[in-house]
N, C-alpha and C. Protein backbone atom coordinates (compact mmCIF):
# COMPACT_ATOMS: atom_id res chain seq x y z
N MET A 1 6.00 8.76 8.94
CA MET A 1 5.51 8.46 7.62
C MET A 1 4.29 7.56 7.74
N LEU A 2 3.22 7.96 7.08
CA LEU A 2 1.98 7.20 7.13
C LEU A 2 1.93 6.17 6.01
N ASP A 3 1.22 5.07 6.25
CA ASP A 3 1.03 4.11 5.17
C ASP A 3 -0.02 4.66 4.20
N LYS A 4 -0.23 3.97 3.09
CA LYS A 4 -1.11 4.49 2.04
C LYS A 4 -2.54 4.69 2.51
N ARG A 5 -3.06 3.71 3.22
CA ARG A 5 -4.45 3.81 3.68
C ARG A 5 -4.63 4.97 4.64
N THR A 6 -3.73 5.09 5.60
CA THR A 6 -3.85 6.15 6.59
C THR A 6 -3.66 7.51 5.93
N HIS A 7 -2.77 7.60 4.97
CA HIS A 7 -2.58 8.86 4.25
C HIS A 7 -3.83 9.22 3.45
N LEU A 8 -4.44 8.23 2.79
CA LEU A 8 -5.69 8.49 2.07
C LEU A 8 -6.79 8.99 3.00
N LEU A 9 -6.87 8.40 4.17
CA LEU A 9 -7.87 8.82 5.15
C LEU A 9 -7.60 10.25 5.61
N LEU A 10 -6.36 10.57 5.91
CA LEU A 10 -6.01 11.92 6.32
C LEU A 10 -6.32 12.93 5.21
N SER A 11 -6.02 12.57 3.98
CA SER A 11 -6.32 13.45 2.84
C SER A 11 -7.82 13.68 2.72
N ARG A 12 -8.59 12.62 2.91
CA ARG A 12 -10.05 12.74 2.82
C ARG A 12 -10.58 13.65 3.93
N ILE A 13 -10.06 13.50 5.13
CA ILE A 13 -10.50 14.35 6.25
C ILE A 13 -10.12 15.80 5.97
N ALA A 14 -8.91 16.03 5.47
CA ALA A 14 -8.47 17.39 5.15
C ALA A 14 -9.35 18.00 4.06
N LEU A 15 -9.77 17.18 3.09
CA LEU A 15 -10.63 17.66 2.02
C LEU A 15 -12.03 17.99 2.54
N LEU A 16 -12.57 17.12 3.37
CA LEU A 16 -13.90 17.35 3.91
C LEU A 16 -13.94 18.55 4.86
N CYS A 17 -12.88 18.76 5.59
CA CYS A 17 -12.80 19.85 6.56
C CYS A 17 -11.80 20.90 6.06
N ASN A 18 -11.97 21.34 4.82
CA ASN A 18 -10.97 22.21 4.21
C ASN A 18 -10.82 23.56 4.90
N ASP A 19 -11.81 23.98 5.67
CA ASP A 19 -11.69 25.25 6.38
C ASP A 19 -11.11 25.06 7.79
N GLY A 20 -10.75 23.83 8.13
CA GLY A 20 -10.13 23.55 9.43
C GLY A 20 -11.12 23.37 10.57
N SER A 21 -12.41 23.43 10.27
CA SER A 21 -13.39 23.28 11.34
C SER A 21 -13.78 21.81 11.49
N TYR A 22 -14.58 21.55 12.51
CA TYR A 22 -15.06 20.19 12.74
C TYR A 22 -16.17 19.88 11.75
N ARG A 23 -16.23 18.62 11.35
CA ARG A 23 -17.25 18.18 10.41
C ARG A 23 -17.76 16.83 10.87
N VAL A 24 -19.07 16.65 10.83
CA VAL A 24 -19.68 15.37 11.15
C VAL A 24 -19.67 14.54 9.87
N VAL A 25 -19.05 13.36 9.96
CA VAL A 25 -18.85 12.51 8.78
C VAL A 25 -19.31 11.10 9.11
N GLU A 26 -19.98 10.49 8.16
CA GLU A 26 -20.40 9.10 8.34
C GLU A 26 -19.28 8.17 7.90
N GLU A 27 -19.30 6.98 8.48
CA GLU A 27 -18.28 5.98 8.19
C GLU A 27 -18.20 5.65 6.70
N LYS A 28 -19.35 5.55 6.04
CA LYS A 28 -19.36 5.21 4.62
C LYS A 28 -18.67 6.29 3.77
N ASP A 29 -18.76 7.55 4.18
CA ASP A 29 -18.08 8.62 3.45
C ASP A 29 -16.56 8.48 3.56
N LEU A 30 -16.10 8.08 4.72
CA LEU A 30 -14.66 7.88 4.90
C LEU A 30 -14.19 6.62 4.17
N LEU A 31 -14.98 5.56 4.23
CA LEU A 31 -14.60 4.31 3.56
C LEU A 31 -14.60 4.44 2.04
N SER A 32 -15.39 5.37 1.53
CA SER A 32 -15.45 5.55 0.07
C SER A 32 -14.18 6.18 -0.50
N SER A 33 -13.31 6.68 0.35
CA SER A 33 -12.08 7.32 -0.13
C SER A 33 -11.01 6.30 -0.51
N PHE A 34 -11.22 5.04 -0.17
CA PHE A 34 -10.22 4.00 -0.45
C PHE A 34 -10.51 3.34 -1.80
N PRO A 35 -9.47 3.19 -2.64
CA PRO A 35 -9.67 2.46 -3.90
C PRO A 35 -9.89 0.97 -3.61
N GLU A 36 -10.33 0.25 -4.62
CA GLU A 36 -10.71 -1.16 -4.45
C GLU A 36 -9.59 -2.01 -3.86
N LYS A 37 -8.36 -1.79 -4.30
CA LYS A 37 -7.27 -2.65 -3.81
C LYS A 37 -6.82 -2.30 -2.39
N LEU A 38 -7.24 -1.16 -1.86
CA LEU A 38 -6.87 -0.77 -0.50
C LEU A 38 -8.08 -0.71 0.43
N LYS A 39 -9.16 -1.38 0.05
CA LYS A 39 -10.38 -1.35 0.86
C LYS A 39 -10.11 -1.78 2.29
N THR A 40 -10.87 -1.22 3.20
CA THR A 40 -10.79 -1.57 4.61
C THR A 40 -12.21 -1.61 5.17
N ASP A 41 -12.33 -2.05 6.40
CA ASP A 41 -13.63 -2.13 7.03
C ASP A 41 -13.71 -1.11 8.17
N GLY A 42 -14.82 -1.13 8.89
CA GLY A 42 -15.03 -0.19 9.98
C GLY A 42 -14.01 -0.30 11.09
N GLU A 43 -13.59 -1.53 11.38
CA GLU A 43 -12.60 -1.73 12.44
C GLU A 43 -11.24 -1.15 12.03
N GLY A 44 -10.87 -1.38 10.78
CA GLY A 44 -9.62 -0.82 10.28
C GLY A 44 -9.66 0.70 10.29
N LEU A 45 -10.83 1.24 9.94
CA LEU A 45 -11.00 2.69 9.96
C LEU A 45 -10.82 3.24 11.37
N LEU A 46 -11.38 2.55 12.35
CA LEU A 46 -11.22 2.99 13.74
C LEU A 46 -9.75 2.99 14.17
N HIS A 47 -9.01 1.97 13.76
CA HIS A 47 -7.59 1.90 14.10
C HIS A 47 -6.82 3.06 13.47
N MET A 48 -7.15 3.36 12.21
CA MET A 48 -6.46 4.47 11.54
C MET A 48 -6.80 5.81 12.20
N LEU A 49 -8.07 6.00 12.53
CA LEU A 49 -8.48 7.24 13.20
C LEU A 49 -7.78 7.38 14.55
N LYS A 50 -7.69 6.28 15.28
CA LYS A 50 -7.01 6.30 16.57
C LYS A 50 -5.53 6.67 16.40
N TYR A 51 -4.89 6.08 15.39
CA TYR A 51 -3.47 6.38 15.13
C TYR A 51 -3.29 7.86 14.78
N LEU A 52 -4.15 8.37 13.89
CA LEU A 52 -4.04 9.77 13.50
C LEU A 52 -4.27 10.70 14.69
N ARG A 53 -5.22 10.34 15.55
CA ARG A 53 -5.50 11.16 16.73
C ARG A 53 -4.33 11.12 17.71
N GLU A 54 -3.79 9.92 17.97
CA GLU A 54 -2.69 9.79 18.93
C GLU A 54 -1.41 10.49 18.48
N HIS A 55 -1.23 10.62 17.16
CA HIS A 55 -0.01 11.25 16.64
C HIS A 55 -0.21 12.72 16.27
N GLY A 56 -1.35 13.29 16.64
CA GLY A 56 -1.57 14.72 16.48
C GLY A 56 -1.94 15.18 15.09
N TYR A 57 -2.47 14.28 14.25
CA TYR A 57 -2.86 14.67 12.89
C TYR A 57 -4.31 15.14 12.83
N ILE A 58 -5.18 14.55 13.66
CA ILE A 58 -6.60 14.92 13.67
C ILE A 58 -7.09 15.01 15.11
N ASP A 59 -8.26 15.65 15.25
CA ASP A 59 -8.95 15.64 16.53
C ASP A 59 -10.32 15.01 16.30
N VAL A 60 -10.72 14.15 17.21
CA VAL A 60 -12.01 13.47 17.12
C VAL A 60 -12.82 13.90 18.33
N LYS A 61 -13.90 14.67 18.09
CA LYS A 61 -14.76 15.09 19.21
C LYS A 61 -15.60 13.93 19.71
N TYR A 62 -16.18 13.19 18.76
CA TYR A 62 -16.91 11.99 19.15
C TYR A 62 -16.94 10.99 18.00
N ALA A 63 -17.14 9.74 18.39
CA ALA A 63 -17.24 8.65 17.42
C ALA A 63 -18.26 7.67 17.97
N GLU A 64 -19.45 7.68 17.37
CA GLU A 64 -20.52 6.81 17.84
C GLU A 64 -21.27 6.21 16.65
N ASP A 65 -21.42 4.91 16.66
CA ASP A 65 -22.25 4.20 15.68
C ASP A 65 -21.96 4.59 14.24
N GLY A 66 -20.71 4.68 13.89
CA GLY A 66 -20.34 4.98 12.51
C GLY A 66 -20.46 6.45 12.12
N VAL A 67 -20.60 7.33 13.09
CA VAL A 67 -20.66 8.77 12.84
C VAL A 67 -19.53 9.41 13.64
N TYR A 68 -18.75 10.25 12.96
CA TYR A 68 -17.58 10.85 13.58
C TYR A 68 -17.62 12.36 13.42
N CYS A 69 -17.16 13.05 14.43
CA CYS A 69 -16.97 14.49 14.35
C CYS A 69 -15.47 14.71 14.35
N LEU A 70 -14.93 15.15 13.20
CA LEU A 70 -13.49 15.20 12.99
C LEU A 70 -13.02 16.58 12.56
N SER A 71 -11.76 16.83 12.81
CA SER A 71 -11.11 18.03 12.30
C SER A 71 -9.63 17.74 12.14
N PRO A 72 -9.03 18.15 11.03
CA PRO A 72 -7.58 17.99 10.89
C PRO A 72 -6.87 19.03 11.74
N LEU A 73 -5.82 18.62 12.39
CA LEU A 73 -5.00 19.55 13.18
C LEU A 73 -3.92 20.12 12.27
N PRO A 74 -3.24 21.17 12.71
CA PRO A 74 -2.19 21.77 11.86
C PRO A 74 -1.16 20.76 11.37
N GLU A 75 -0.76 19.83 12.23
CA GLU A 75 0.22 18.81 11.82
C GLU A 75 -0.32 17.95 10.69
N GLY A 76 -1.60 17.61 10.74
CA GLY A 76 -2.22 16.81 9.70
C GLY A 76 -2.33 17.57 8.40
N ARG A 77 -2.72 18.84 8.46
CA ARG A 77 -2.81 19.64 7.25
C ARG A 77 -1.43 19.84 6.63
N MET A 78 -0.42 20.07 7.46
CA MET A 78 0.95 20.25 6.94
C MET A 78 1.44 18.97 6.28
N TYR A 79 1.19 17.83 6.89
CA TYR A 79 1.61 16.55 6.31
C TYR A 79 0.94 16.34 4.95
N ASP A 80 -0.36 16.59 4.88
CA ASP A 80 -1.09 16.41 3.63
C ASP A 80 -0.58 17.36 2.55
N GLU A 81 -0.36 18.61 2.89
CA GLU A 81 0.15 19.59 1.92
C GLU A 81 1.55 19.23 1.46
N ARG A 82 2.39 18.78 2.38
CA ARG A 82 3.76 18.41 2.04
C ARG A 82 3.79 17.22 1.07
N THR A 83 2.97 16.22 1.31
CA THR A 83 2.96 15.06 0.42
C THR A 83 2.39 15.42 -0.94
N ARG A 84 1.40 16.30 -0.99
CA ARG A 84 0.86 16.76 -2.28
C ARG A 84 1.93 17.53 -3.06
N ARG A 85 2.66 18.39 -2.37
CA ARG A 85 3.72 19.17 -3.02
C ARG A 85 4.82 18.25 -3.54
N GLU A 86 5.22 17.26 -2.75
CA GLU A 86 6.25 16.32 -3.18
C GLU A 86 5.78 15.52 -4.40
N ARG A 87 4.52 15.15 -4.43
CA ARG A 87 3.98 14.42 -5.57
C ARG A 87 4.01 15.29 -6.83
N ARG A 88 3.61 16.58 -6.70
CA ARG A 88 3.65 17.49 -7.85
C ARG A 88 5.07 17.69 -8.35
N GLU A 89 6.03 17.85 -7.42
CA GLU A 89 7.42 18.03 -7.81
C GLU A 89 7.96 16.79 -8.51
N GLY A 90 7.58 15.61 -8.06
CA GLY A 90 8.00 14.37 -8.71
C GLY A 90 7.46 14.27 -10.13
N ILE A 91 6.22 14.69 -10.31
CA ILE A 91 5.63 14.67 -11.65
C ILE A 91 6.36 15.66 -12.55
N LYS A 92 6.70 16.83 -12.03
CA LYS A 92 7.43 17.81 -12.82
C LYS A 92 8.80 17.28 -13.22
N ARG A 93 9.49 16.63 -12.29
CA ARG A 93 10.81 16.07 -12.60
C ARG A 93 10.72 15.00 -13.67
N ARG A 94 9.77 14.10 -13.55
CA ARG A 94 9.61 13.04 -14.54
C ARG A 94 9.24 13.60 -15.91
N THR A 95 8.41 14.64 -15.92
CA THR A 95 8.04 15.28 -17.19
C THR A 95 9.26 15.93 -17.83
N ALA A 96 10.07 16.63 -17.04
CA ALA A 96 11.27 17.27 -17.58
C ALA A 96 12.24 16.22 -18.12
N LEU A 97 12.39 15.12 -17.41
CA LEU A 97 13.27 14.05 -17.86
C LEU A 97 12.76 13.44 -19.17
N PHE A 98 11.48 13.22 -19.26
CA PHE A 98 10.88 12.67 -20.48
C PHE A 98 11.08 13.60 -21.67
N VAL A 99 10.83 14.90 -21.47
CA VAL A 99 10.98 15.87 -22.56
C VAL A 99 12.43 15.95 -23.01
N SER A 100 13.37 15.97 -22.06
CA SER A 100 14.79 16.04 -22.45
C SER A 100 15.22 14.76 -23.17
N ALA A 101 14.75 13.62 -22.75
CA ALA A 101 15.07 12.37 -23.44
C ALA A 101 14.47 12.36 -24.85
N LEU A 102 13.25 12.86 -24.98
CA LEU A 102 12.60 12.92 -26.28
C LEU A 102 13.35 13.85 -27.24
N LEU A 103 13.73 15.03 -26.74
CA LEU A 103 14.47 15.97 -27.58
C LEU A 103 15.84 15.43 -27.95
N SER A 104 16.50 14.76 -27.02
CA SER A 104 17.80 14.16 -27.31
C SER A 104 17.68 13.07 -28.36
N ALA A 105 16.63 12.28 -28.27
CA ALA A 105 16.41 11.22 -29.26
C ALA A 105 16.18 11.81 -30.64
N PHE A 106 15.38 12.88 -30.73
CA PHE A 106 15.16 13.53 -32.02
C PHE A 106 16.45 14.13 -32.56
N ALA A 107 17.23 14.77 -31.70
CA ALA A 107 18.49 15.36 -32.14
C ALA A 107 19.44 14.27 -32.65
N GLY A 108 19.52 13.16 -31.93
CA GLY A 108 20.38 12.06 -32.36
C GLY A 108 19.92 11.46 -33.67
N ALA A 109 18.61 11.30 -33.83
CA ALA A 109 18.07 10.76 -35.07
C ALA A 109 18.34 11.71 -36.23
N PHE A 110 18.17 12.99 -35.99
CA PHE A 110 18.43 13.99 -37.03
C PHE A 110 19.90 14.00 -37.43
N ALA A 111 20.79 13.95 -36.42
CA ALA A 111 22.23 13.93 -36.71
C ALA A 111 22.61 12.65 -37.45
N GLY A 112 22.06 11.53 -37.05
CA GLY A 112 22.33 10.26 -37.72
C GLY A 112 21.84 10.27 -39.16
N ALA A 113 20.68 10.81 -39.40
CA ALA A 113 20.14 10.88 -40.76
C ALA A 113 20.99 11.82 -41.62
N GLY A 114 21.42 12.94 -41.03
CA GLY A 114 22.29 13.86 -41.77
C GLY A 114 23.61 13.22 -42.12
N LEU A 115 24.20 12.48 -41.20
CA LEU A 115 25.47 11.78 -41.43
C LEU A 115 25.29 10.72 -42.51
N ALA A 116 24.19 9.99 -42.48
CA ALA A 116 23.91 8.97 -43.49
C ALA A 116 23.78 9.59 -44.87
N VAL A 117 23.11 10.73 -44.96
CA VAL A 117 22.97 11.42 -46.23
C VAL A 117 24.33 11.86 -46.75
N LEU A 118 25.18 12.40 -45.88
CA LEU A 118 26.52 12.83 -46.27
C LEU A 118 27.37 11.66 -46.75
N LEU A 119 27.28 10.54 -46.06
CA LEU A 119 28.08 9.38 -46.46
C LEU A 119 27.59 8.77 -47.76
N LEU A 120 26.29 8.74 -47.96
CA LEU A 120 25.74 8.15 -49.19
C LEU A 120 25.94 9.03 -50.41
N THR A 121 25.98 10.32 -50.25
CA THR A 121 26.16 11.22 -51.39
C THR A 121 27.63 11.48 -51.66
N GLY A 122 28.49 10.95 -50.88
CA GLY A 122 29.93 11.08 -51.10
C GLY A 122 30.50 12.36 -50.52
N GLY A 123 29.78 13.01 -49.65
CA GLY A 123 30.30 14.20 -48.99
C GLY A 123 30.16 15.46 -49.82
N ALA A 124 29.61 15.40 -51.01
CA ALA A 124 29.51 16.61 -51.82
C ALA A 124 28.10 17.04 -52.03
């Protein structure tokens, strides 16, 4: 399981190299994939790239002066696709739960209002 920063980096590499080929990428392009609260520097980026390479997620042909030649490996693409699918399924589950709770609340309110009308009118 990758941490948030490393997963964001892997997703960015998979997006940039969507056809599975090698792509020359500058350090600033990779660093721009991180939101403000997860910002990192060049050294942190190198550590993440090294981790991804050592664990078989990406291949790095060269890394010189802030320029990298990268490609996602099958394991990296599968990890990225799996996490995207899990995220979509989670959103679907939460949406279904919200809709069922909303419909149940309306049904309960309708039944309560109907019961109140029956009690106030004396049942006739």
